[in-house]
Amino acid sequence: MTEFASAFLAVDWGTTNRRVFRIENGAVAATERDARGVTSVAPGDFVDEVARIRGRFGDLPILLAGMVGSTIGWRDVPYVAAPADLAALAQGLAWIDARTAIVPGVSVLTDVKADVMRGEEVQFLGAVAAGLVPRDALLCQPGTHCKWARVESGVIVDFTTAMTGEVFALLRRHGLLASQLQAEVTPGAAFRDGVATGRGGDLAAALFGIRAAKLLGVRDDADAASYASGLLIGSDVAARLAGAPGAVHILADAGLAELYSIAVTAHGGTAHIVDSHAAFVAGVVALARMLP
């Protein structure tokens, strides 16, 4: 396991995509993103898939994070219960062999709430470790399943998952509104109008309003996708900031980060954008340094 000290590989392995990093002395020496998410790999092919990664990036020890440790991945790795820090993740690593380990996700389970994450925990705790976010903060990673995490003293103490991106994708593909939502989402007036309406809380009715606006000639379909995105993101942000708007640190690529930043600001918060890839690298580097 001491091989991780100087050079190793790290994979942020999601459902549909993955990103591979070659880390040397704590810095990224090479990286690659592709569409080989876990659903693209047959259940028995992960050994060969990891061998191919090593063939391209070097025969090095490897840390795997994300959905590769789920029921649809290579091995179903038990979650670490929140509150969780990097040390808890290191203790919960699932070792395939002496040079290959899968990072556990984090879970929350109470009388009123059940939630899980895989992969985002590395980014959230990495952002803290690298000083990209404060040790006490509200963190947001937008995406198909948007994650909102509260860290206190550098520890993930609670989090919430919102299916914001998935709902938008489903509306685009199926149902009454699909034909209206094919335009590109842009951060203009229609999106901001949607954010403002989304704050009202009556999301189901507001979504049907997109259909009514078309029939009554109120809104052009070119703006419908942006408005719908604003509704969903605005509703998501409003729920998270209800009663206590403050700073939100958004870990995302530029496009989604801008949309969420607009929504956070519109709801009285202050948005800070963080490089999610830098956060992931900081997290896996910190984990590697904890290994004996």
C-alpha atoms as a PDB file:
ATOM      1  CA  MET A   1       0.000   0.000   0.000  1.00  0.00           C
ATOM      2  CA  THR A   2       2.979   2.311   0.451  1.00  0.00           C
ATOM      3  CA  GLU A   3       3.217   2.450  -3.342  1.00  0.00           C
ATOM      4  CA  PHE A   4       0.529   5.167  -3.225  1.00  0.00           C
ATOM      5  CA  ALA A   5       3.047   7.571  -1.681  1.00  0.00           C
ATOM      6  CA  SER A   6       4.670   8.780  -4.915  1.00  0.00           C
ATOM      7  CA  ALA A   7       2.462   7.925  -7.894  1.00  0.00           C
ATOM      8  CA  PHE A   8      -0.935   6.345  -8.306  1.00  0.00           C
ATOM      9  CA  LEU A   9      -4.044   6.359 -10.486  1.00  0.00           C
ATOM     10  CA  ALA A  10      -7.467   7.649  -9.428  1.00  0.00           C
ATOM     11  CA  VAL A  11     -10.793   7.173 -11.187  1.00  0.00           C
ATOM     12  CA  ASP A  12     -13.960   9.182 -10.600  1.00  0.00           C
ATOM     13  CA  TRP A  13     -16.236   6.469 -12.015  1.00  0.00           C
ATOM     14  CA  GLY A  14     -19.852   7.489 -12.497  1.00  0.00           C
ATOM     15  CA  THR A  15     -22.897   5.812 -13.989  1.00  0.00           C
ATOM     16  CA  THR A  16     -22.406   7.051 -17.566  1.00  0.00           C
ATOM     17  CA  ASN A  17     -18.977   8.727 -17.546  1.00  0.00           C
ATOM     18  CA  ARG A  18     -15.639   8.473 -15.828  1.00  0.00           C
ATOM     19  CA  ARG A  19     -12.472  10.507 -15.447  1.00  0.00           C
ATOM     20  CA  VAL A  20      -9.060   8.937 -14.925  1.00  0.00           C
ATOM     21  CA  PHE A  21      -6.172  10.802 -13.267  1.00  0.00           C
ATOM     22  CA  ARG A  22      -2.510   9.883 -13.035  1.00  0.00           C
ATOM     23  CA  ILE A  23      -1.213  11.515  -9.845  1.00  0.00           C
ATOM     24  CA  GLU A  24       2.512  12.094  -9.312  1.00  0.00           C
ATOM     25  CA  ASN A  25       3.798  13.703  -6.116  1.00  0.00           C
ATOM     26  CA  GLY A  26       0.356  15.091  -5.348  1.00  0.00           C
ATOM     27  CA  ALA A  27      -0.232  16.686  -8.771  1.00  0.00           C
ATOM     28  CA  VAL A  28      -2.098  15.606 -11.923  1.00  0.00           C
ATOM     29  CA  ALA A  29       0.358  14.331 -14.523  1.00  0.00           C
ATOM     30  CA  ALA A  30      -2.290  13.124 -16.987  1.00  0.00           C
ATOM     31  CA  THR A  31      -6.065  12.880 -17.190  1.00  0.00           C
ATOM     32  CA  GLU A  32      -8.743  11.536 -19.519  1.00  0.00           C
ATOM     33  CA  ARG A  33     -12.541  11.638 -19.572  1.00  0.00           C
ATOM     34  CA  ASP A  34     -14.641   9.106 -21.463  1.00  0.00           C
ATOM     35  CA  ALA A  35     -18.125   7.600 -21.610  1.00  0.00           C
ATOM     36  CA  ARG A  36     -17.156   4.278 -20.013  1.00  0.00           C
ATOM     37  CA  GLY A  37     -19.360   4.646 -16.957  1.00  0.00           C
ATOM     38  CA  VAL A  38     -20.213   1.570 -14.919  1.00  0.00           C
ATOM     39  CA  THR A  39     -23.306   0.838 -17.008  1.00  0.00           C
ATOM     40  CA  SER A  40     -20.999   0.447 -20.033  1.00  0.00           C
ATOM     41  CA  VAL A  41     -18.989  -2.309 -18.339  1.00  0.00           C
ATOM     42  CA  ALA A  42     -20.344  -5.850 -18.060  1.00  0.00           C
ATOM     43  CA  PRO A  43     -20.413  -7.174 -14.472  1.00  0.00           C
ATOM     44  CA  GLY A  44     -17.523  -9.567 -15.045  1.00  0.00           C
ATOM     45  CA  ASP A  45     -15.345  -7.159 -17.020  1.00  0.00           C
ATOM     46  CA  PHE A  46     -14.117  -4.734 -14.356  1.00  0.00           C
ATOM     47  CA  VAL A  47     -10.831  -6.589 -13.834  1.00  0.00           C
ATOM     48  CA  ASP A  48     -10.018  -6.261 -17.529  1.00  0.00           C
ATOM     49  CA  GLU A  49     -11.292  -2.663 -17.611  1.00  0.00           C
ATOM     50  CA  VAL A  50      -8.943  -1.650 -14.790  1.00  0.00           C
ATOM     51  CA  ALA A  51      -6.107  -3.488 -16.546  1.00  0.00           C
ATOM     52  CA  ARG A  52      -6.787  -1.406 -19.661  1.00  0.00           C
ATOM     53  CA  ILE A  53      -6.666   1.793 -17.593  1.00  0.00           C
ATOM     54  CA  ARG A  54      -3.281   0.728 -16.213  1.00  0.00           C
ATOM     55  CA  GLY A  55      -2.167  -0.109 -19.730  1.00  0.00           C
ATOM     56  CA  ARG A  56      -2.811   3.493 -20.809  1.00  0.00           C
ATOM     57  CA  PHE A  57      -1.735   5.362 -17.684  1.00  0.00           C
ATOM     58  CA  GLY A  58       0.896   3.137 -16.087  1.00  0.00           C
ATOM     59  CA  ASP A  59       1.043   0.003 -13.964  1.00  0.00           C
ATOM     60  CA  LEU A  60       0.353   1.858 -10.713  1.00  0.00           C
ATOM     61  CA  PRO A  61      -1.826   1.387  -7.637  1.00  0.00           C
ATOM     62  CA  ILE A  62      -5.332   2.718  -8.132  1.00  0.00           C
ATOM     63  CA  LEU A  63      -8.114   4.310  -6.087  1.00  0.00           C
ATOM     64  CA  LEU A  64     -11.621   4.031  -7.538  1.00  0.00           C
ATOM     65  CA  ALA A  65     -14.479   6.280  -6.406  1.00  0.00           C
ATOM     66  CA  GLY A  66     -18.118   6.680  -7.357  1.00  0.00           C
ATOM     67  CA  MET A  67     -20.652   4.199  -8.711  1.00  0.00           C
ATOM     68  CA  VAL A  68     -17.963   1.565  -9.264  1.00  0.00           C
ATOM     69  CA  GLY A  69     -18.554   0.762  -5.581  1.00  0.00           C
ATOM     70  CA  SER A  70     -22.323   0.411  -5.944  1.00  0.00           C
ATOM     71  CA  THR A  71     -24.749  -2.414  -6.668  1.00  0.00           C
ATOM     72  CA  ILE A  72     -24.349  -1.679 -10.392  1.00  0.00           C
ATOM     73  CA  GLY A  73     -20.554  -1.426 -10.218  1.00  0.00           C
ATOM     74  CA  TRP A  74     -17.642  -3.745  -9.538  1.00  0.00           C
ATOM     75  CA  ARG A  75     -18.348  -4.396  -5.872  1.00  0.00           C
ATOM     76  CA  ASP A  76     -21.064  -3.184  -3.507  1.00  0.00           C
ATOM     77  CA  VAL A  77     -18.976  -1.379  -0.900  1.00  0.00           C
ATOM     78  CA  PRO A  78     -20.682  -0.564   2.438  1.00  0.00           C
ATOM     79  CA  TYR A  79     -21.375   3.114   3.073  1.00  0.00           C
ATOM     80  CA  VAL A  80     -19.660   5.039   5.831  1.00  0.00           C
ATOM     81  CA  ALA A  81     -22.301   6.649   8.046  1.00  0.00           C
ATOM     82  CA  ALA A  82     -22.279  10.418   8.464  1.00  0.00           C
ATOM     83  CA  PRO A  83     -20.689  12.222  10.208  1.00  0.00           C
ATOM     84  CA  ALA A  84     -17.776  11.211   7.993  1.00  0.00           C
ATOM     85  CA  ASP A  85     -14.319  12.589   7.245  1.00  0.00           C
ATOM     86  CA  LEU A  86     -11.416  11.470   5.078  1.00  0.00           C
ATOM     87  CA  ALA A  87     -10.073   9.223   7.819  1.00  0.00           C
ATOM     88  CA  ALA A  88     -13.418   7.370   7.906  1.00  0.00           C
ATOM     89  CA  LEU A  89     -13.265   6.921   4.123  1.00  0.00           C
ATOM     90  CA  ALA A  90      -9.713   5.593   4.370  1.00  0.00           C
ATOM     91  CA  GLN A  91     -10.773   3.069   7.005  1.00  0.00           C
ATOM     92  CA  GLY A  92     -13.720   2.000   4.857  1.00  0.00           C
ATOM     93  CA  LEU A  93     -11.756   1.351   1.663  1.00  0.00           C
ATOM     94  CA  ALA A  94     -12.640  -1.951  -0.005  1.00  0.00           C
ATOM     95  CA  TRP A  95      -9.418  -3.597  -1.172  1.00  0.00           C
ATOM     96  CA  ILE A  96      -9.739  -5.686  -4.319  1.00  0.00           C
ATOM     97  CA  ASP A  97      -6.040  -6.508  -3.997  1.00  0.00           C
ATOM     98  CA  ALA A  98      -3.011  -4.793  -2.432  1.00  0.00           C
ATOM     99  CA  ARG A  99      -2.871  -2.211  -5.237  1.00  0.00           C
ATOM    100  CA  THR A 100      -6.563  -1.649  -5.996  1.00  0.00           C
ATOM    101  CA  ALA A 101      -9.118  -0.107  -3.670  1.00  0.00           C
ATOM    102  CA  ILE A 102     -12.668   1.278  -3.921  1.00  0.00           C
ATOM    103  CA  VAL A 103     -13.664   4.309  -1.861  1.00  0.00           C
ATOM    104  CA  PRO A 104     -16.870   3.857   0.177  1.00  0.00           C
ATOM    105  CA  GLY A 105     -19.768   6.251  -0.177  1.00  0.00           C
ATOM    106  CA  VAL A 106     -21.464   8.050   2.698  1.00  0.00           C
ATOM    107  CA  SER A 107     -24.963   7.507   4.081  1.00  0.00           C
ATOM    108  CA  VAL A 108     -27.462   9.298   6.298  1.00  0.00           C
ATOM    109  CA  LEU A 109     -30.190   7.338   8.067  1.00  0.00           C
ATOM    110  CA  THR A 110     -32.574   8.802  10.637  1.00  0.00           C
ATOM    111  CA  ASP A 111     -36.193   8.250  11.618  1.00  0.00           C
ATOM    112  CA  VAL A 112     -37.287  10.697   8.911  1.00  0.00           C
ATOM    113  CA  LYS A 113     -34.556  10.553   6.283  1.00  0.00           C
ATOM    114  CA  ALA A 114     -32.467   8.124   4.241  1.00  0.00           C
ATOM    115  CA  ASP A 115     -29.847   9.329   1.774  1.00  0.00           C
ATOM    116  CA  VAL A 116     -26.650   8.112   0.104  1.00  0.00           C
ATOM    117  CA  MET A 117     -23.801   9.422  -2.027  1.00  0.00           C
ATOM    118  CA  ARG A 118     -20.935   7.814  -3.918  1.00  0.00           C
ATOM    119  CA  GLY A 119     -18.086   9.889  -5.342  1.00  0.00           C
ATOM    120  CA  GLU A 120     -19.275  13.304  -4.196  1.00  0.00           C
ATOM    121  CA  GLU A 121     -17.852  12.656  -0.710  1.00  0.00           C
ATOM    122  CA  VAL A 122     -14.328  12.651  -2.168  1.00  0.00           C
ATOM    123  CA  GLN A 123     -14.936  16.032  -3.809  1.00  0.00           C
ATOM    124  CA  PHE A 124     -16.575  17.602  -0.754  1.00  0.00           C
ATOM    125  CA  LEU A 125     -13.895  16.467   1.690  1.00  0.00           C
ATOM    126  CA  GLY A 126     -11.152  17.152  -0.854  1.00  0.00           C
ATOM    127  CA  ALA A 127     -12.384  20.726  -1.221  1.00  0.00           C
ATOM    128  CA  VAL A 128     -12.113  21.119   2.552  1.00  0.00           C
ATOM    129  CA  ALA A 129      -8.663  19.488   2.687  1.00  0.00           C
ATOM    130  CA  ALA A 130      -7.335  21.788  -0.052  1.00  0.00           C
ATOM    131  CA  GLY A 131      -8.796  24.921   1.538  1.00  0.00           C
ATOM    132  CA  LEU A 132     -11.099  25.468  -1.464  1.00  0.00           C
ATOM    133  CA  VAL A 133     -14.057  25.796   0.915  1.00  0.00           C
ATOM    134  CA  PRO A 134     -14.319  26.664   4.622  1.00  0.00           C
ATOM    135  CA  ARG A 135     -14.398  23.894   7.220  1.00  0.00           C
ATOM    136  CA  ASP A 136     -17.955  24.959   8.100  1.00  0.00           C
ATOM    137  CA  ALA A 137     -19.974  25.371   4.900  1.00  0.00           C
ATOM    138  CA  LEU A 138     -22.929  24.416   2.729  1.00  0.00           C
ATOM    139  CA  LEU A 139     -21.645  22.629  -0.386  1.00  0.00           C
ATOM    140  CA  CYS A 140     -23.561  21.882  -3.573  1.00  0.00           C
ATOM    141  CA  GLN A 141     -22.666  19.552  -6.425  1.00  0.00           C
ATOM    142  CA  PRO A 142     -25.254  20.002  -9.201  1.00  0.00           C
ATOM    143  CA  GLY A 143     -25.976  17.242 -11.651  1.00  0.00           C
ATOM    144  CA  THR A 144     -28.412  14.460 -12.410  1.00  0.00           C
ATOM    145  CA  HIS A 145     -28.814  13.982  -8.666  1.00  0.00           C
ATOM    146  CA  CYS A 146     -27.843  17.257  -7.026  1.00  0.00           C
ATOM    147  CA  LYS A 147     -26.027  16.824  -3.705  1.00  0.00           C
ATOM    148  CA  TRP A 148     -26.227  19.391  -0.901  1.00  0.00           C
ATOM    149  CA  ALA A 149     -23.830  18.691   1.961  1.00  0.00           C
ATOM    150  CA  ARG A 150     -23.282  20.429   5.279  1.00  0.00           C
ATOM    151  CA  VAL A 151     -19.726  20.244   6.602  1.00  0.00           C
ATOM    152  CA  GLU A 152     -18.812  21.216  10.128  1.00  0.00           C
ATOM    153  CA  SER A 153     -15.180  21.300  11.289  1.00  0.00           C
ATOM    154  CA  GLY A 154     -14.288  19.651   7.987  1.00  0.00           C
ATOM    155  CA  VAL A 155     -16.667  16.700   8.488  1.00  0.00           C
ATOM    156  CA  ILE A 156     -19.731  15.817   6.401  1.00  0.00           C
ATOM    157  CA  VAL A 157     -22.472  15.900   9.033  1.00  0.00           C
ATOM    158  CA  ASP A 158     -25.545  15.789   6.787  1.00  0.00           C
ATOM    159  CA  PHE A 159     -26.572  15.929   3.137  1.00  0.00           C
ATOM    160  CA  THR A 160     -29.586  15.903   0.851  1.00  0.00           C
ATOM    161  CA  THR A 161     -29.991  14.578  -2.683  1.00  0.00           C
ATOM    162  CA  ALA A 162     -32.405  16.263  -5.089  1.00  0.00           C
ATOM    163  CA  MET A 163     -33.280  14.586  -8.404  1.00  0.00           C
ATOM    164  CA  THR A 164     -33.265  17.947 -10.154  1.00  0.00           C
ATOM    165  CA  GLY A 165     -31.288  17.015 -13.246  1.00  0.00           C
ATOM    166  CA  GLU A 166     -33.015  13.678 -13.715  1.00  0.00           C
ATOM    167  CA  VAL A 167     -36.478  15.251 -13.549  1.00  0.00           C
ATOM    168  CA  PHE A 168     -35.449  17.784 -16.203  1.00  0.00           C
ATOM    169  CA  ALA A 169     -34.079  15.006 -18.421  1.00  0.00           C
ATOM    170  CA  LEU A 170     -37.294  12.989 -18.044  1.00  0.00           C
ATOM    171  CA  LEU A 171     -39.442  16.008 -18.907  1.00  0.00           C
ATOM    172  CA  ARG A 172     -37.339  16.501 -22.041  1.00  0.00           C
ATOM    173  CA  ARG A 173     -37.794  12.906 -23.169  1.00  0.00           C
ATOM    174  CA  HIS A 174     -41.309  11.996 -22.094  1.00  0.00           C
ATOM    175  CA  GLY A 175     -44.730  13.457 -21.551  1.00  0.00           C
ATOM    176  CA  LEU A 176     -46.667  16.557 -22.419  1.00  0.00           C
ATOM    177  CA  LEU A 177     -43.805  19.063 -22.353  1.00  0.00           C
ATOM    178  CA  ALA A 178     -41.145  17.072 -24.194  1.00  0.00           C
ATOM    179  CA  SER A 179     -41.566  18.748 -27.581  1.00  0.00           C
ATOM    180  CA  GLN A 180     -41.297  22.202 -25.976  1.00  0.00           C
ATOM    181  CA  LEU A 181     -38.086  21.544 -24.024  1.00  0.00           C
ATOM    182  CA  GLN A 182     -35.601  20.728 -26.787  1.00  0.00           C
ATOM    183  CA  ALA A 183     -33.811  24.095 -26.962  1.00  0.00           C
ATOM    184  CA  GLU A 184     -30.518  24.761 -25.197  1.00  0.00           C
ATOM    185  CA  VAL A 185     -30.751  26.037 -21.637  1.00  0.00           C
ATOM    186  CA  THR A 186     -29.240  29.510 -21.318  1.00  0.00           C
ATOM    187  CA  PRO A 187     -28.856  31.756 -18.241  1.00  0.00           C
ATOM    188  CA  GLY A 188     -31.052  34.541 -19.611  1.00  0.00           C
ATOM    189  CA  ALA A 189     -34.346  36.165 -18.698  1.00  0.00           C
ATOM    190  CA  ALA A 190     -36.460  33.002 -19.169  1.00  0.00           C
ATOM    191  CA  PHE A 191     -34.221  31.008 -16.825  1.00  0.00           C
ATOM    192  CA  ARG A 192     -34.327  33.791 -14.220  1.00  0.00           C
ATOM    193  CA  ASP A 193     -38.115  33.976 -14.512  1.00  0.00           C
ATOM    194  CA  GLY A 194     -38.276  30.258 -13.856  1.00  0.00           C
ATOM    195  CA  VAL A 195     -36.014  30.602 -10.812  1.00  0.00           C
ATOM    196  CA  ALA A 196     -38.301  33.292  -9.379  1.00  0.00           C
ATOM    197  CA  THR A 197     -41.430  31.199  -9.954  1.00  0.00           C
ATOM    198  CA  GLY A 198     -39.756  28.076  -8.567  1.00  0.00           C
ATOM    199  CA  ARG A 199     -39.369  29.827  -5.250  1.00  0.00           C
ATOM    200  CA  GLY A 200     -43.148  29.689  -4.785  1.00  0.00           C
ATOM    201  CA  GLY A 201     -43.128  25.966  -4.060  1.00  0.00           C
ATOM    202  CA  ASP A 202     -45.993  24.874  -6.354  1.00  0.00           C
ATOM    203  CA  LEU A 203     -43.670  23.131  -8.790  1.00  0.00           C
ATOM    204  CA  ALA A 204     -46.158  20.716 -10.367  1.00  0.00           C
ATOM    205  CA  ALA A 205     -48.567  23.514 -11.264  1.00  0.00           C
ATOM    206  CA  ALA A 206     -45.775  25.763 -12.503  1.00  0.00           C
ATOM    207  CA  LEU A 207     -44.580  23.028 -14.864  1.00  0.00           C
ATOM    208  CA  PHE A 208     -48.038  22.698 -16.413  1.00  0.00           C
ATOM    209  CA  GLY A 209     -47.941  26.458 -16.867  1.00  0.00           C
ATOM    210  CA  ILE A 210     -45.289  25.903 -19.549  1.00  0.00           C
ATOM    211  CA  ARG A 211     -47.937  24.146 -21.656  1.00  0.00           C
ATOM    212  CA  ALA A 212     -50.524  26.840 -20.950  1.00  0.00           C
ATOM    213  CA  ALA A 213     -48.064  29.604 -21.862  1.00  0.00           C
ATOM    214  CA  LYS A 214     -47.584  28.005 -25.286  1.00  0.00           C
ATOM    215  CA  LEU A 215     -51.301  27.642 -25.951  1.00  0.00           C
ATOM    216  CA  LEU A 216     -52.004  31.235 -24.939  1.00  0.00           C
ATOM    217  CA  GLY A 217     -49.031  32.690 -26.812  1.00  0.00           C
ATOM    218  CA  VAL A 218     -47.307  33.969 -23.652  1.00  0.00           C
ATOM    219  CA  ARG A 219     -43.905  32.289 -24.073  1.00  0.00           C
ATOM    220  CA  ASP A 220     -42.045  31.060 -27.139  1.00  0.00           C
ATOM    221  CA  ASP A 221     -40.865  27.453 -27.115  1.00  0.00           C
ATOM    222  CA  ALA A 222     -37.318  28.703 -27.667  1.00  0.00           C
ATOM    223  CA  ASP A 223     -37.411  29.878 -24.039  1.00  0.00           C
ATOM    224  CA  ALA A 224     -39.351  26.954 -22.566  1.00  0.00           C
ATOM    225  CA  ALA A 225     -36.361  24.749 -21.720  1.00  0.00           C
ATOM    226  CA  SER A 226     -34.564  27.596 -19.954  1.00  0.00           C
ATOM    227  CA  TYR A 227     -37.723  28.455 -18.026  1.00  0.00           C
ATOM    228  CA  ALA A 228     -38.278  24.818 -17.005  1.00  0.00           C
ATOM    229  CA  SER A 229     -34.662  24.488 -15.896  1.00  0.00           C
ATOM    230  CA  GLY A 230     -35.062  27.656 -13.867  1.00  0.00           C
ATOM    231  CA  LEU A 231     -38.204  26.270 -12.223  1.00  0.00           C
ATOM    232  CA  LEU A 232     -36.479  23.072 -11.154  1.00  0.00           C
ATOM    233  CA  ILE A 233     -33.214  24.651 -10.024  1.00  0.00           C
ATOM    234  CA  GLY A 234     -35.051  27.512  -8.350  1.00  0.00           C
ATOM    235  CA  SER A 235     -37.250  25.081  -6.418  1.00  0.00           C
ATOM    236  CA  ASP A 236     -34.207  23.016  -5.404  1.00  0.00           C
ATOM    237  CA  VAL A 237     -32.240  26.045  -4.199  1.00  0.00           C
ATOM    238  CA  ALA A 238     -35.241  27.546  -2.405  1.00  0.00           C
ATOM    239  CA  ALA A 239     -35.731  24.360  -0.396  1.00  0.00           C
ATOM    240  CA  ARG A 240     -32.086  24.290   0.669  1.00  0.00           C
ATOM    241  CA  LEU A 241     -31.885  27.981   1.619  1.00  0.00           C
ATOM    242  CA  ALA A 242     -35.334  28.272   3.214  1.00  0.00           C
ATOM    243  CA  GLY A 243     -35.156  30.465   6.292  1.00  0.00           C
ATOM    244  CA  ALA A 244     -31.382  30.750   6.317  1.00  0.00           C
ATOM    245  CA  PRO A 245     -29.864  32.040   3.056  1.00  0.00           C
ATOM    246  CA  GLY A 246     -26.096  32.217   3.223  1.00  0.00           C
ATOM    247  CA  ALA A 247     -22.972  31.165   1.366  1.00  0.00           C
ATOM    248  CA  VAL A 248     -23.172  28.182  -0.985  1.00  0.00           C
ATOM    249  CA  HIS A 249     -20.014  26.638  -2.432  1.00  0.00           C
ATOM    250  CA  ILE A 250     -20.854  25.099  -5.805  1.00  0.00           C
ATOM    251  CA  LEU A 251     -18.638  22.299  -7.128  1.00  0.00           C
ATOM    252  CA  ALA A 252     -19.416  22.053 -10.829  1.00  0.00           C
ATOM    253  CA  ASP A 253     -18.322  22.737 -14.378  1.00  0.00           C
ATOM    254  CA  ALA A 254     -18.866  26.275 -15.637  1.00  0.00           C
ATOM    255  CA  GLY A 255     -22.306  25.838 -17.230  1.00  0.00           C
ATOM    256  CA  LEU A 256     -24.139  24.270 -14.301  1.00  0.00           C
ATOM    257  CA  ALA A 257     -22.206  26.381 -11.824  1.00  0.00           C
ATOM    258  CA  GLU A 258     -23.473  29.548 -13.490  1.00  0.00           C
ATOM    259  CA  LEU A 259     -27.096  28.385 -13.409  1.00  0.00           C
ATOM    260  CA  TYR A 260     -26.953  27.441  -9.740  1.00  0.00           C
ATOM    261  CA  SER A 261     -25.059  30.625  -8.912  1.00  0.00           C
ATOM    262  CA  ILE A 262     -27.872  32.684 -10.455  1.00  0.00           C
ATOM    263  CA  ALA A 263     -30.462  30.757  -8.440  1.00  0.00           C
ATOM    264  CA  VAL A 264     -28.545  31.041  -5.177  1.00  0.00           C
ATOM    265  CA  THR A 265     -28.149  34.796  -5.622  1.00  0.00           C
ATOM    266  CA  ALA A 266     -31.830  35.209  -6.536  1.00  0.00           C
ATOM    267  CA  HIS A 267     -32.798  33.445  -3.321  1.00  0.00           C
ATOM    268  CA  GLY A 268     -30.681  35.694  -1.120  1.00  0.00           C
ATOM    269  CA  GLY A 269     -27.563  33.563  -0.874  1.00  0.00           C
ATOM    270  CA  THR A 270     -23.963  34.129  -1.909  1.00  0.00           C
ATOM    271  CA  ALA A 271     -22.514  31.728  -4.485  1.00  0.00           C
ATOM    272  CA  HIS A 272     -18.873  30.631  -4.618  1.00  0.00           C
ATOM    273  CA  ILE A 273     -17.800  28.413  -7.530  1.00  0.00           C
ATOM    274  CA  VAL A 274     -15.238  25.675  -6.853  1.00  0.00           C
ATOM    275  CA  ASP A 275     -13.323  23.529  -9.372  1.00  0.00           C
ATOM    276  CA  SER A 276     -14.844  20.076  -8.833  1.00  0.00           C
ATOM    277  CA  HIS A 277     -11.941  18.268 -10.531  1.00  0.00           C
ATOM    278  CA  ALA A 278      -9.396  20.006  -8.301  1.00  0.00           C
ATOM    279  CA  ALA A 279     -11.531  19.031  -5.297  1.00  0.00           C
ATOM    280  CA  PHE A 280     -11.600  15.368  -6.366  1.00  0.00           C
ATOM    281  CA  VAL A 281      -7.835  15.294  -6.866  1.00  0.00           C
ATOM    282  CA  ALA A 282      -7.278  16.898  -3.466  1.00  0.00           C
ATOM    283  CA  GLY A 283      -9.527  14.271  -1.913  1.00  0.00           C
ATOM    284  CA  VAL A 284      -7.807  11.235  -3.425  1.00  0.00           C
ATOM    285  CA  VAL A 285      -4.359  12.678  -2.701  1.00  0.00           C
ATOM    286  CA  ALA A 286      -5.332  13.171   0.943  1.00  0.00           C
ATOM    287  CA  LEU A 287      -6.702   9.616   1.073  1.00  0.00           C
ATOM    288  CA  ALA A 288      -3.528   8.188  -0.481  1.00  0.00           C
ATOM    289  CA  ARG A 289      -1.403   9.950   2.138  1.00  0.00           C
ATOM    290  CA  MET A 290      -3.393   8.259   4.904  1.00  0.00           C
ATOM    291  CA  LEU A 291      -2.546   4.765   3.699  1.00  0.00           C
ATOM    292  CA  PRO A 292       0.104   2.879   5.714  1.00  0.00           C
END
